[in-house]
Amino acid sequence: MARQASKSDLVVDVDGIGRFVFARRTMRDKFGIRGAYAALTSANYDAEGNTADIGALAFCTINHLLVSAPAGFSLEVLDPDADEEKLTKVFLALREQEGSFRKEPAPGVQGGREEPGAEL
């Protein structure tokens, strides 16, 4: 079920797929996505504790944050063999959009933005 629209929603245009609207991620969302990923994959993490299945992470993230999708796009009818690349493309476009409004660290401060998909 799609989330209710909000003024803080993100509009994400994905080349070849269409326009998506996603809720802006909150800490509650971050933890909800983690829980959904763990349940969906039976806690499939690598040795460092990172998500080991980008398709499952993409599915959980899109499912959790989706407000609206282009006509004909539905997570429930994606072909598991043919559409994982499409799912990942939407996920990476969302992560890029989310990263575009995060502030860069002040000069001399260690750290910075994480790579898309590095964080739930």
PDB file of N, CA and C in Angstrom:
ATOM      1  N   MET A   1       0.842  -1.171   0.000  1.00  0.00           N
ATOM      2  CA  MET A   1       0.000   0.000   0.000  1.00  0.00           C
ATOM      3  C   MET A   1       0.895   1.245   0.000  1.00  0.00           C
ATOM      4  N   ALA A   2       0.586   2.182  -0.873  1.00  0.00           N
ATOM      5  CA  ALA A   2       1.377   3.409  -0.996  1.00  0.00           C
ATOM      6  C   ALA A   2       1.157   4.322   0.206  1.00  0.00           C
ATOM      7  N   ARG A   3       2.178   5.092   0.506  1.00  0.00           N
ATOM      8  CA  ARG A   3       2.092   6.046   1.608  1.00  0.00           C
ATOM      9  C   ARG A   3       1.305   7.270   1.187  1.00  0.00           C
ATOM     10  N   GLN A   4       0.815   7.973   2.178  1.00  0.00           N
ATOM     11  CA  GLN A   4       0.089   9.215   1.932  1.00  0.00           C
ATOM     12  C   GLN A   4       1.067  10.293   1.476  1.00  0.00           C
ATOM     13  N   ALA A   5       0.636  11.124   0.531  1.00  0.00           N
ATOM     14  CA  ALA A   5       1.475  12.209   0.016  1.00  0.00           C
ATOM     15  C   ALA A   5       1.747  13.242   1.103  1.00  0.00           C
ATOM     16  N   SER A   6       2.925  13.878   1.003  1.00  0.00           N
ATOM     17  CA  SER A   6       3.350  14.894   1.962  1.00  0.00           C
ATOM     18  C   SER A   6       4.138  15.972   1.225  1.00  0.00           C
ATOM     19  N   LYS A   7       4.211  17.168   1.793  1.00  0.00           N
ATOM     20  CA  LYS A   7       4.967  18.259   1.179  1.00  0.00           C
ATOM     21  C   LYS A   7       6.447  17.936   1.053  1.00  0.00           C
ATOM     22  N   SER A   8       6.961  17.057   1.892  1.00  0.00           N
ATOM     23  CA  SER A   8       8.390  16.739   1.880  1.00  0.00           C
ATOM     24  C   SER A   8       8.748  15.583   0.945  1.00  0.00           C
ATOM     25  N   ASP A   9       7.772  15.074   0.197  1.00  0.00           N
ATOM     26  CA  ASP A   9       8.028  13.948  -0.707  1.00  0.00           C
ATOM     27  C   ASP A   9       9.072  14.295  -1.765  1.00  0.00           C
ATOM     28  N   LEU A  10       9.744  13.265  -2.241  1.00  0.00           N
ATOM     29  CA  LEU A  10      10.754  13.402  -3.292  1.00  0.00           C
ATOM     30  C   LEU A  10      10.194  12.906  -4.616  1.00  0.00           C
ATOM     31  N   VAL A  11      10.371  13.688  -5.659  1.00  0.00           N
ATOM     32  CA  VAL A  11       9.987  13.279  -7.006  1.00  0.00           C
ATOM     33  C   VAL A  11      11.245  12.751  -7.675  1.00  0.00           C
ATOM     34  N   VAL A  12      11.173  11.526  -8.176  1.00  0.00           N
ATOM     35  CA  VAL A  12      12.329  10.872  -8.780  1.00  0.00           C
ATOM     36  C   VAL A  12      11.944  10.391 -10.174  1.00  0.00           C
ATOM     37  N   ASP A  13      12.577  10.986 -11.179  1.00  0.00           N
ATOM     38  CA  ASP A  13      12.359  10.558 -12.554  1.00  0.00           C
ATOM     39  C   ASP A  13      13.412   9.518 -12.912  1.00  0.00           C
ATOM     40  N   VAL A  14      12.962   8.330 -13.323  1.00  0.00           N
ATOM     41  CA  VAL A  14      13.863   7.239 -13.666  1.00  0.00           C
ATOM     42  C   VAL A  14      13.793   7.015 -15.173  1.00  0.00           C
ATOM     43  N   ASP A  15      14.912   7.237 -15.831  1.00  0.00           N
ATOM     44  CA  ASP A  15      14.992   7.120 -17.284  1.00  0.00           C
ATOM     45  C   ASP A  15      14.475   5.762 -17.758  1.00  0.00           C
ATOM     46  N   GLY A  16      13.542   5.795 -18.691  1.00  0.00           N
ATOM     47  CA  GLY A  16      13.004   4.582 -19.269  1.00  0.00           C
ATOM     48  C   GLY A  16      11.928   3.897 -18.446  1.00  0.00           C
ATOM     49  N   ILE A  17      11.663   4.414 -17.244  1.00  0.00           N
ATOM     50  CA  ILE A  17      10.650   3.792 -16.390  1.00  0.00           C
ATOM     51  C   ILE A  17       9.540   4.776 -16.047  1.00  0.00           C
ATOM     52  N   GLY A  18       9.904   5.989 -15.616  1.00  0.00           N
ATOM     53  CA  GLY A  18       8.892   6.993 -15.336  1.00  0.00           C
ATOM     54  C   GLY A  18       9.143   7.742 -14.047  1.00  0.00           C
ATOM     55  N   ARG A  19       8.114   8.469 -13.610  1.00  0.00           N
ATOM     56  CA  ARG A  19       8.190   9.334 -12.430  1.00  0.00           C
ATOM     57  C   ARG A  19       7.631   8.618 -11.198  1.00  0.00           C
ATOM     58  N   PHE A  20       8.438   8.649 -10.147  1.00  0.00           N
ATOM     59  CA  PHE A  20       8.062   8.085  -8.857  1.00  0.00           C
ATOM     60  C   PHE A  20       8.002   9.209  -7.838  1.00  0.00           C
ATOM     61  N   VAL A  21       7.180   9.024  -6.829  1.00  0.00           N
ATOM     62  CA  VAL A  21       7.156   9.926  -5.687  1.00  0.00           C
ATOM     63  C   VAL A  21       7.394   9.049  -4.462  1.00  0.00           C
ATOM     64  N   PHE A  22       8.394   9.461  -3.653  1.00  0.00           N
ATOM     65  CA  PHE A  22       8.753   8.727  -2.455  1.00  0.00           C
ATOM     66  C   PHE A  22       8.656   9.639  -1.242  1.00  0.00           C
ATOM     67  N   ALA A  23       8.297   9.053  -0.110  1.00  0.00           N
ATOM     68  CA  ALA A  23       8.334   9.779   1.157  1.00  0.00           C
ATOM     69  C   ALA A  23       9.795  10.056   1.492  1.00  0.00           C
ATOM     70  N   ARG A  24      10.028  11.187   2.120  1.00  0.00           N
ATOM     71  CA  ARG A  24      11.383  11.481   2.580  1.00  0.00           C
ATOM     72  C   ARG A  24      11.681  10.560   3.761  1.00  0.00           C
ATOM     73  N   ARG A  25      12.815   9.888   3.700  1.00  0.00           N
ATOM     74  CA  ARG A  25      13.194   8.878   4.683  1.00  0.00           C
ATOM     75  C   ARG A  25      13.417   9.488   6.073  1.00  0.00           C
ATOM     76  N   THR A  26      12.827   8.855   7.069  1.00  0.00           N
ATOM     77  CA  THR A  26      13.025   9.240   8.463  1.00  0.00           C
ATOM     78  C   THR A  26      13.777   8.108   9.172  1.00  0.00           C
ATOM     79  N   MET A  27      14.172   8.339  10.407  1.00  0.00           N
ATOM     80  CA  MET A  27      14.818   7.268  11.181  1.00  0.00           C
ATOM     81  C   MET A  27      13.874   6.080  11.334  1.00  0.00           C
ATOM     82  N   ARG A  28      12.591   6.361  11.559  1.00  0.00           N
ATOM     83  CA  ARG A  28      11.612   5.268  11.670  1.00  0.00           C
ATOM     84  C   ARG A  28      11.594   4.447  10.384  1.00  0.00           C
ATOM     85  N   ASP A  29      11.650   5.130   9.245  1.00  0.00           N
ATOM     86  CA  ASP A  29      11.693   4.421   7.962  1.00  0.00           C
ATOM     87  C   ASP A  29      12.952   3.573   7.844  1.00  0.00           C
ATOM     88  N   LYS A  30      14.082   4.154   8.230  1.00  0.00           N
ATOM     89  CA  LYS A  30      15.352   3.427   8.155  1.00  0.00           C
ATOM     90  C   LYS A  30      15.259   2.103   8.911  1.00  0.00           C
ATOM     91  N   PHE A  31      14.719   2.150  10.122  1.00  0.00           N
ATOM     92  CA  PHE A  31      14.612   0.933  10.922  1.00  0.00           C
ATOM     93  C   PHE A  31      13.551  -0.017  10.355  1.00  0.00           C
ATOM     94  N   GLY A  32      12.459   0.543   9.833  1.00  0.00           N
ATOM     95  CA  GLY A  32      11.431  -0.293   9.215  1.00  0.00           C
ATOM     96  C   GLY A  32      11.957  -1.032   7.991  1.00  0.00           C
ATOM     97  N   ILE A  33      12.770  -0.353   7.191  1.00  0.00           N
ATOM     98  CA  ILE A  33      13.367  -0.983   6.013  1.00  0.00           C
ATOM     99  C   ILE A  33      14.331  -2.086   6.446  1.00  0.00           C
ATOM    100  N   ARG A  34      15.128  -1.815   7.478  1.00  0.00           N
ATOM    101  CA  ARG A  34      16.039  -2.844   8.003  1.00  0.00           C
ATOM    102  C   ARG A  34      15.272  -4.082   8.439  1.00  0.00           C
ATOM    103  N   GLY A  35      14.177  -3.865   9.167  1.00  0.00           N
ATOM    104  CA  GLY A  35      13.375  -4.988   9.639  1.00  0.00           C
ATOM    105  C   GLY A  35      12.761  -5.775   8.493  1.00  0.00           C
ATOM    106  N   ALA A  36      12.244  -5.059   7.499  1.00  0.00           N
ATOM    107  CA  ALA A  36      11.645  -5.731   6.341  1.00  0.00           C
ATOM    108  C   ALA A  36      12.697  -6.531   5.575  1.00  0.00           C
ATOM    109  N   TYR A  37      13.897  -5.949   5.416  1.00  0.00           N
ATOM    110  CA  TYR A  37      14.982  -6.652   4.727  1.00  0.00           C
ATOM    111  C   TYR A  37      15.361  -7.926   5.484  1.00  0.00           C
ATOM    112  N   ALA A  38      15.532  -7.819   6.798  1.00  0.00           N
ATOM    113  CA  ALA A  38      15.907  -8.980   7.605  1.00  0.00           C
ATOM    114  C   ALA A  38      14.856 -10.077   7.500  1.00  0.00           C
ATOM    115  N   ALA A  39      13.585  -9.693   7.553  1.00  0.00           N
ATOM    116  CA  ALA A  39      12.507 -10.677   7.457  1.00  0.00           C
ATOM    117  C   ALA A  39      12.445 -11.312   6.066  1.00  0.00           C
ATOM    118  N   LEU A  40      12.589 -10.494   5.030  1.00  0.00           N
ATOM    119  CA  LEU A  40      12.485 -10.990   3.656  1.00  0.00           C
ATOM    120  C   LEU A  40      13.629 -11.930   3.299  1.00  0.00           C
ATOM    121  N   THR A  41      14.824 -11.642   3.790  1.00  0.00           N
ATOM    122  CA  THR A  41      16.005 -12.415   3.391  1.00  0.00           C
ATOM    123  C   THR A  41      16.493 -13.377   4.470  1.00  0.00           C
ATOM    124  N   SER A  42      15.755 -13.522   5.539  1.00  0.00           N
ATOM    125  CA  SER A  42      16.198 -14.313   6.691  1.00  0.00           C
ATOM    126  C   SER A  42      17.556 -13.814   7.179  1.00  0.00           C
ATOM    127  N   ALA A  43      17.667 -12.475   7.273  1.00  0.00           N
ATOM    128  CA  ALA A  43      18.867 -11.788   7.766  1.00  0.00           C
ATOM    129  C   ALA A  43      20.105 -12.123   6.938  1.00  0.00           C
ATOM    130  N   ASN A  44      20.019 -11.902   5.633  1.00  0.00           N
ATOM    131  CA  ASN A  44      21.134 -12.160   4.715  1.00  0.00           C
ATOM    132  C   ASN A  44      22.073 -10.957   4.699  1.00  0.00           C
ATOM    133  N   TYR A  45      23.104 -11.016   5.551  1.00  0.00           N
ATOM    134  CA  TYR A  45      24.107  -9.961   5.641  1.00  0.00           C
ATOM    135  C   TYR A  45      25.479 -10.556   5.362  1.00  0.00           C
ATOM    136  N   ASP A  46      26.408  -9.721   4.894  1.00  0.00           N
ATOM    137  CA  ASP A  46      27.766 -10.204   4.648  1.00  0.00           C
ATOM    138  C   ASP A  46      28.557 -10.222   5.961  1.00  0.00           C
ATOM    139  N   ALA A  47      29.826 -10.593   5.888  1.00  0.00           N
ATOM    140  CA  ALA A  47      30.656 -10.735   7.086  1.00  0.00           C
ATOM    141  C   ALA A  47      30.795  -9.427   7.865  1.00  0.00           C
ATOM    142  N   GLU A  48      30.697  -8.275   7.175  1.00  0.00           N
ATOM    143  CA  GLU A  48      30.803  -6.981   7.842  1.00  0.00           C
ATOM    144  C   GLU A  48      29.467  -6.468   8.361  1.00  0.00           C
ATOM    145  N   GLY A  49      28.388  -7.221   8.142  1.00  0.00           N
ATOM    146  CA  GLY A  49      27.071  -6.809   8.615  1.00  0.00           C
ATOM    147  C   GLY A  49      26.293  -5.949   7.639  1.00  0.00           C
ATOM    148  N   ASN A  50      26.769  -5.842   6.393  1.00  0.00           N
ATOM    149  CA  ASN A  50      26.070  -5.066   5.371  1.00  0.00           C
ATOM    150  C   ASN A  50      25.065  -5.950   4.642  1.00  0.00           C
ATOM    151  N   THR A  51      24.048  -5.315   4.073  1.00  0.00           N
ATOM    152  CA  THR A  51      23.071  -6.076   3.304  1.00  0.00           C
ATOM    153  C   THR A  51      23.773  -6.782   2.146  1.00  0.00           C
ATOM    154  N   ALA A  52      23.426  -8.032   1.933  1.00  0.00           N
ATOM    155  CA  ALA A  52      24.102  -8.842   0.922  1.00  0.00           C
ATOM    156  C   ALA A  52      23.275  -9.024  -0.348  1.00  0.00           C
ATOM    157  N   ASP A  53      22.053  -8.535  -0.365  1.00  0.00           N
ATOM    158  CA  ASP A  53      21.169  -8.720  -1.515  1.00  0.00           C
ATOM    159  C   ASP A  53      20.583  -7.367  -1.906  1.00  0.00           C
ATOM    160  N   ILE A  54      21.194  -6.717  -2.910  1.00  0.00           N
ATOM    161  CA  ILE A  54      20.760  -5.374  -3.319  1.00  0.00           C
ATOM    162  C   ILE A  54      19.327  -5.392  -3.848  1.00  0.00           C
ATOM    163  N   GLY A  55      18.923  -6.450  -4.529  1.00  0.00           N
ATOM    164  CA  GLY A  55      17.549  -6.538  -5.027  1.00  0.00           C
ATOM    165  C   GLY A  55      16.535  -6.539  -3.900  1.00  0.00           C
ATOM    166  N   ALA A  56      16.818  -7.279  -2.848  1.00  0.00           N
ATOM    167  CA  ALA A  56      15.919  -7.324  -1.688  1.00  0.00           C
ATOM    168  C   ALA A  56      15.901  -5.979  -0.966  1.00  0.00           C
ATOM    169  N   LEU A  57      17.074  -5.350  -0.838  1.00  0.00           N
ATOM    170  CA  LEU A  57      17.138  -4.025  -0.220  1.00  0.00           C
ATOM    171  C   LEU A  57      16.343  -3.013  -1.044  1.00  0.00           C
ATOM    172  N   ALA A  58      16.499  -3.067  -2.366  1.00  0.00           N
ATOM    173  CA  ALA A  58      15.755  -2.168  -3.251  1.00  0.00           C
ATOM    174  C   ALA A  58      14.248  -2.386  -3.079  1.00  0.00           C
ATOM    175  N   PHE A  59      13.825  -3.639  -3.088  1.00  0.00           N
ATOM    176  CA  PHE A  59      12.409  -3.968  -2.943  1.00  0.00           C
ATOM    177  C   PHE A  59      11.853  -3.416  -1.630  1.00  0.00           C
ATOM    178  N   CYS A  60      12.550  -3.668  -0.518  1.00  0.00           N
ATOM    179  CA  CYS A  60      12.081  -3.223   0.792  1.00  0.00           C
ATOM    180  C   CYS A  60      12.036  -1.700   0.888  1.00  0.00           C
ATOM    181  N   THR A  61      13.043  -1.041   0.333  1.00  0.00           N
ATOM    182  CA  THR A  61      13.093   0.418   0.390  1.00  0.00           C
ATOM    183  C   THR A  61      11.973   1.036  -0.429  1.00  0.00           C
ATOM    184  N   ILE A  62      11.826   0.587  -1.666  1.00  0.00           N
ATOM    185  CA  ILE A  62      10.776   1.125  -2.533  1.00  0.00           C
ATOM    186  C   ILE A  62       9.402   0.849  -1.922  1.00  0.00           C
ATOM    187  N   ASN A  63       9.196  -0.363  -1.472  1.00  0.00           N
ATOM    188  CA  ASN A  63       7.920  -0.738  -0.880  1.00  0.00           C
ATOM    189  C   ASN A  63       7.587   0.143   0.325  1.00  0.00           C
ATOM    190  N   HIS A  64       8.580   0.453   1.127  1.00  0.00           N
ATOM    191  CA  HIS A  64       8.369   1.218   2.359  1.00  0.00           C
ATOM    192  C   HIS A  64       8.144   2.716   2.098  1.00  0.00           C
ATOM    193  N   LEU A  65       8.827   3.284   1.117  1.00  0.00           N
ATOM    194  CA  LEU A  65       8.796   4.735   0.902  1.00  0.00           C
ATOM    195  C   LEU A  65       7.885   5.188  -0.243  1.00  0.00           C
ATOM    196  N   LEU A  66       7.377   4.281  -1.044  1.00  0.00           N
ATOM    197  CA  LEU A  66       6.621   4.641  -2.242  1.00  0.00           C
ATOM    198  C   LEU A  66       5.312   5.365  -1.929  1.00  0.00           C
ATOM    199  N   VAL A  67       5.158   6.516  -2.574  1.00  0.00           N
ATOM    200  CA  VAL A  67       3.909   7.276  -2.508  1.00  0.00           C
ATOM    201  C   VAL A  67       3.123   7.021  -3.794  1.00  0.00           C
ATOM    202  N   SER A  68       3.796   7.145  -4.945  1.00  0.00           N
ATOM    203  CA  SER A  68       3.146   6.838  -6.218  1.00  0.00           C
ATOM    204  C   SER A  68       4.198   6.407  -7.230  1.00  0.00           C
ATOM    205  N   ALA A  69       3.747   5.602  -8.189  1.00  0.00           N
ATOM    206  CA  ALA A  69       4.628   5.066  -9.227  1.00  0.00           C
ATOM    207  C   ALA A  69       3.992   5.312 -10.583  1.00  0.00           C
ATOM    208  N   PRO A  70       4.798   5.255 -11.645  1.00  0.00           N
ATOM    209  CA  PRO A  70       4.217   5.436 -12.973  1.00  0.00           C
ATOM    210  C   PRO A  70       3.240   4.301 -13.302  1.00  0.00           C
ATOM    211  N   ALA A  71       2.312   4.597 -14.187  1.00  0.00           N
ATOM    212  CA  ALA A  71       1.331   3.594 -14.615  1.00  0.00           C
ATOM    213  C   ALA A  71       2.060   2.338 -15.083  1.00  0.00           C
ATOM    214  N   GLY A  72       1.578   1.201 -14.638  1.00  0.00           N
ATOM    215  CA  GLY A  72       2.149  -0.070 -15.057  1.00  0.00           C
ATOM    216  C   GLY A  72       3.274  -0.588 -14.179  1.00  0.00           C
ATOM    217  N   PHE A  73       3.761   0.219 -13.238  1.00  0.00           N
ATOM    218  CA  PHE A  73       4.821  -0.247 -12.346  1.00  0.00           C
ATOM    219  C   PHE A  73       4.189  -0.756 -11.062  1.00  0.00           C
ATOM    220  N   SER A  74       4.477  -2.006 -10.737  1.00  0.00           N
ATOM    221  CA  SER A  74       3.981  -2.596  -9.498  1.00  0.00           C
ATOM    222  C   SER A  74       5.025  -3.572  -8.977  1.00  0.00           C
ATOM    223  N   LEU A  75       5.397  -3.421  -7.733  1.00  0.00           N
ATOM    224  CA  LEU A  75       6.361  -4.336  -7.131  1.00  0.00           C
ATOM    225  C   LEU A  75       5.844  -5.767  -7.137  1.00  0.00           C
ATOM    226  N   GLU A  76       4.545  -5.924  -7.013  1.00  0.00           N
ATOM    227  CA  GLU A  76       3.950  -7.254  -6.907  1.00  0.00           C
ATOM    228  C   GLU A  76       3.979  -8.050  -8.215  1.00  0.00           C
ATOM    229  N   VAL A  77       4.127  -7.377  -9.347  1.00  0.00           N
ATOM    230  CA  VAL A  77       4.108  -8.116 -10.620  1.00  0.00           C
ATOM    231  C   VAL A  77       5.441  -8.089 -11.351  1.00  0.00           C
ATOM    232  N   LEU A  78       6.482  -7.566 -10.712  1.00  0.00           N
ATOM    233  CA  LEU A  78       7.796  -7.597 -11.347  1.00  0.00           C
ATOM    234  C   LEU A  78       8.251  -9.043 -11.518  1.00  0.00           C
ATOM    235  N   ASP A  79       8.843  -9.328 -12.659  1.00  0.00           N
ATOM    236  CA  ASP A  79       9.370 -10.655 -12.938  1.00  0.00           C
ATOM    237  C   ASP A  79      10.662 -10.834 -12.136  1.00  0.00           C
ATOM    238  N   PRO A  80      10.736 -11.837 -11.265  1.00  0.00           N
ATOM    239  CA  PRO A  80      11.913 -11.985 -10.414  1.00  0.00           C
ATOM    240  C   PRO A  80      13.208 -12.236 -11.179  1.00  0.00           C
ATOM    241  N   ASP A  81      13.123 -12.770 -12.385  1.00  0.00           N
ATOM    242  CA  ASP A  81      14.333 -13.027 -13.166  1.00  0.00           C
ATOM    243  C   ASP A  81      14.685 -11.871 -14.091  1.00  0.00           C
ATOM    244  N   ALA A  82      13.682 -11.184 -14.606  1.00  0.00           N
ATOM    245  CA  ALA A  82      13.936 -10.166 -15.630  1.00  0.00           C
ATOM    246  C   ALA A  82      13.938  -8.737 -15.104  1.00  0.00           C
ATOM    247  N   ASP A  83      13.337  -8.479 -13.965  1.00  0.00           N
ATOM    248  CA  ASP A  83      13.125  -7.091 -13.538  1.00  0.00           C
ATOM    249  C   ASP A  83      13.977  -6.629 -12.351  1.00  0.00           C
ATOM    250  N   GLU A  84      14.915  -7.436 -11.892  1.00  0.00           N
ATOM    251  CA  GLU A  84      15.736  -6.994 -10.760  1.00  0.00           C
ATOM    252  C   GLU A  84      16.582  -5.784 -11.142  1.00  0.00           C
ATOM    253  N   GLU A  85      17.028  -5.719 -12.392  1.00  0.00           N
ATOM    254  CA  GLU A  85      17.796  -4.558 -12.851  1.00  0.00           C
ATOM    255  C   GLU A  85      16.929  -3.290 -12.812  1.00  0.00           C
ATOM    256  N   LYS A  86      15.668  -3.408 -13.205  1.00  0.00           N
ATOM    257  CA  LYS A  86      14.736  -2.275 -13.155  1.00  0.00           C
ATOM    258  C   LYS A  86      14.543  -1.814 -11.713  1.00  0.00           C
ATOM    259  N   LEU A  87      14.366  -2.759 -10.822  1.00  0.00           N
ATOM    260  CA  LEU A  87      14.189  -2.466  -9.403  1.00  0.00           C
ATOM    261  C   LEU A  87      15.411  -1.726  -8.861  1.00  0.00           C
ATOM    262  N   THR A  88      16.583  -2.204  -9.200  1.00  0.00           N
ATOM    263  CA  THR A  88      17.823  -1.580  -8.737  1.00  0.00           C
ATOM    264  C   THR A  88      17.985  -0.183  -9.322  1.00  0.00           C
ATOM    265  N   LYS A  89      17.580   0.004 -10.568  1.00  0.00           N
ATOM    266  CA  LYS A  89      17.672   1.318 -11.211  1.00  0.00           C
ATOM    267  C   LYS A  89      16.803   2.347 -10.476  1.00  0.00           C
ATOM    268  N   VAL A  90      15.605   1.954 -10.094  1.00  0.00           N
ATOM    269  CA  VAL A  90      14.713   2.842  -9.342  1.00  0.00           C
ATOM    270  C   VAL A  90      15.326   3.148  -7.974  1.00  0.00           C
ATOM    271  N   PHE A  91      15.835   2.124  -7.300  1.00  0.00           N
ATOM    272  CA  PHE A  91      16.449   2.295  -5.981  1.00  0.00           C
ATOM    273  C   PHE A  91      17.637   3.254  -6.040  1.00  0.00           C
ATOM    274  N   LEU A  92      18.519   3.073  -7.002  1.00  0.00           N
ATOM    275  CA  LEU A  92      19.697   3.934  -7.100  1.00  0.00           C
ATOM    276  C   LEU A  92      19.315   5.373  -7.445  1.00  0.00           C
ATOM    277  N   ALA A  93      18.277   5.557  -8.251  1.00  0.00           N
ATOM    278  CA  ALA A  93      17.799   6.909  -8.565  1.00  0.00           C
ATOM    279  C   ALA A  93      17.252   7.571  -7.301  1.00  0.00           C
ATOM    280  N   LEU A  94      16.540   6.814  -6.486  1.00  0.00           N
ATOM    281  CA  LEU A  94      16.042   7.338  -5.213  1.00  0.00           C
ATOM    282  C   LEU A  94      17.209   7.730  -4.311  1.00  0.00           C
ATOM    283  N   ARG A  95      18.198   6.862  -4.165  1.00  0.00           N
ATOM    284  CA  ARG A  95      19.346   7.152  -3.297  1.00  0.00           C
ATOM    285  C   ARG A  95      20.120   8.371  -3.795  1.00  0.00           C
ATOM    286  N   GLU A  96      20.225   8.521  -5.108  1.00  0.00           N
ATOM    287  CA  GLU A  96      20.900   9.699  -5.661  1.00  0.00           C
ATOM    288  C   GLU A  96      20.130  10.966  -5.307  1.00  0.00           C
ATOM    289  N   GLN A  97      18.811  10.917  -5.451  1.00  0.00           N
ATOM    290  CA  GLN A  97      17.975  12.070  -5.107  1.00  0.00           C
ATOM    291  C   GLN A  97      18.089  12.393  -3.623  1.00  0.00           C
ATOM    292  N   GLU A  98      18.066  11.372  -2.772  1.00  0.00           N
ATOM    293  CA  GLU A  98      18.203  11.596  -1.335  1.00  0.00           C
ATOM    294  C   GLU A  98      19.556  12.227  -1.011  1.00  0.00           C
ATOM    295  N   GLY A  99      20.592  11.766  -1.651  1.00  0.00           N
ATOM    296  CA  GLY A  99      21.930  12.287  -1.410  1.00  0.00           C
ATOM    297  C   GLY A  99      22.118  13.711  -1.896  1.00  0.00           C
ATOM    298  N   SER A 100      21.311  14.136  -2.845  1.00  0.00           N
ATOM    299  CA  SER A 100      21.488  15.459  -3.442  1.00  0.00           C
ATOM    300  C   SER A 100      21.155  16.599  -2.488  1.00  0.00           C
ATOM    301  N   PHE A 101      20.384  16.352  -1.449  1.00  0.00           N
ATOM    302  CA  PHE A 101      20.034  17.431  -0.529  1.00  0.00           C
ATOM    303  C   PHE A 101      20.723  17.313   0.826  1.00  0.00           C
ATOM    304  N   ARG A 102      21.587  16.337   0.977  1.00  0.00           N
ATOM    305  CA  ARG A 102      22.346  16.223   2.224  1.00  0.00           C
ATOM    306  C   ARG A 102      23.530  17.163   2.183  1.00  0.00           C
ATOM    307  N   LYS A 103      23.799  17.812   3.301  1.00  0.00           N
ATOM    308  CA  LYS A 103      24.895  18.768   3.369  1.00  0.00           C
ATOM    309  C   LYS A 103      26.235  18.050   3.366  1.00  0.00           C
ATOM    310  N   GLU A 104      27.196  18.655   2.694  1.00  0.00           N
ATOM    311  CA  GLU A 104      28.565  18.160   2.717  1.00  0.00           C
ATOM    312  C   GLU A 104      29.170  18.564   4.067  1.00  0.00           C
ATOM    313  N   PRO A 105      30.137  17.790   4.583  1.00  0.00           N
ATOM    314  CA  PRO A 105      30.762  18.167   5.849  1.00  0.00           C
ATOM    315  C   PRO A 105      31.576  19.449   5.714  1.00  0.00           C
ATOM    316  N   ALA A 106      31.718  20.142   6.809  1.00  0.00           N
ATOM    317  CA  ALA A 106      32.529  21.362   6.812  1.00  0.00           C
ATOM    318  C   ALA A 106      33.980  21.017   6.487  1.00  0.00           C
ATOM    319  N   PRO A 107      34.733  21.959   5.921  1.00  0.00           N
ATOM    320  CA  PRO A 107      36.138  21.691   5.618  1.00  0.00           C
ATOM    321  C   PRO A 107      36.891  21.213   6.859  1.00  0.00           C
ATOM    322  N   GLY A 108      37.708  20.188   6.681  1.00  0.00           N
ATOM    323  CA  GLY A 108      38.494  19.656   7.780  1.00  0.00           C
ATOM    324  C   GLY A 108      37.774  18.618   8.614  1.00  0.00           C
ATOM    325  N   VAL A 109      36.502  18.339   8.316  1.00  0.00           N
ATOM    326  CA  VAL A 109      35.735  17.350   9.067  1.00  0.00           C
ATOM    327  C   VAL A 109      35.835  16.015   8.351  1.00  0.00           C
ATOM    328  N   GLN A 110      36.155  14.967   9.085  1.00  0.00           N
ATOM    329  CA  GLN A 110      36.243  13.634   8.501  1.00  0.00           C
ATOM    330  C   GLN A 110      34.847  13.149   8.141  1.00  0.00           C
ATOM    331  N   GLY A 111      34.761  12.275   7.146  1.00  0.00           N
ATOM    332  CA  GLY A 111      33.479  11.674   6.791  1.00  0.00           C
ATOM    333  C   GLY A 111      32.968  12.229   5.491  1.00  0.00           C
ATOM    334  N   GLY A 112      31.682  12.228   5.347  1.00  0.00           N
ATOM    335  CA  GLY A 112      31.042  12.698   4.122  1.00  0.00           C
ATOM    336  C   GLY A 112      29.865  11.822   3.795  1.00  0.00           C
ATOM    337  N   ARG A 113      29.322  12.022   2.624  1.00  0.00           N
ATOM    338  CA  ARG A 113      28.164  11.233   2.188  1.00  0.00           C
ATOM    339  C   ARG A 113      28.597   9.816   1.890  1.00  0.00           C
ATOM    340  N   GLU A 114      27.713   8.904   2.190  1.00  0.00           N
ATOM    341  CA  GLU A 114      27.965   7.500   1.865  1.00  0.00           C
ATOM    342  C   GLU A 114      27.593   7.262   0.422  1.00  0.00           C
ATOM    343  N   GLU A 115      28.121   6.199  -0.120  1.00  0.00           N
ATOM    344  CA  GLU A 115      27.766   5.806  -1.484  1.00  0.00           C
ATOM    345  C   GLU A 115      26.323   5.352  -1.510  1.00  0.00           C
ATOM    346  N   PRO A 116      25.620   5.549  -2.660  1.00  0.00           N
ATOM    347  CA  PRO A 116      24.237   5.075  -2.739  1.00  0.00           C
ATOM    348  C   PRO A 116      24.141   3.591  -2.415  1.00  0.00           C
ATOM    349  N   GLY A 117      23.195   3.241  -1.568  1.00  0.00           N
ATOM    350  CA  GLY A 117      22.971   1.856  -1.213  1.00  0.00           C
ATOM    351  C   GLY A 117      23.806   1.388  -0.046  1.00  0.00           C
ATOM    352  N   ALA A 118      24.730   2.211   0.446  1.00  0.00           N
ATOM    353  CA  ALA A 118      25.591   1.796   1.541  1.00  0.00           C
ATOM    354  C   ALA A 118      24.856   1.778   2.866  1.00  0.00           C
ATOM    355  N   GLU A 119      23.760   2.507   2.943  1.00  0.00           N
ATOM    356  CA  GLU A 119      23.010   2.614   4.196  1.00  0.00           C
ATOM    357  C   GLU A 119      21.566   2.270   3.914  1.00  0.00           C
ATOM    358  N   LEU A 120      20.925   1.661   4.897  1.00  0.00           N
ATOM    359  CA  LEU A 120      19.486   1.368   4.745  1.00  0.00           C
ATOM    360  C   LEU A 120      18.683   2.607   4.972  1.00  0.00           C
TER     361      LEU A 120
END
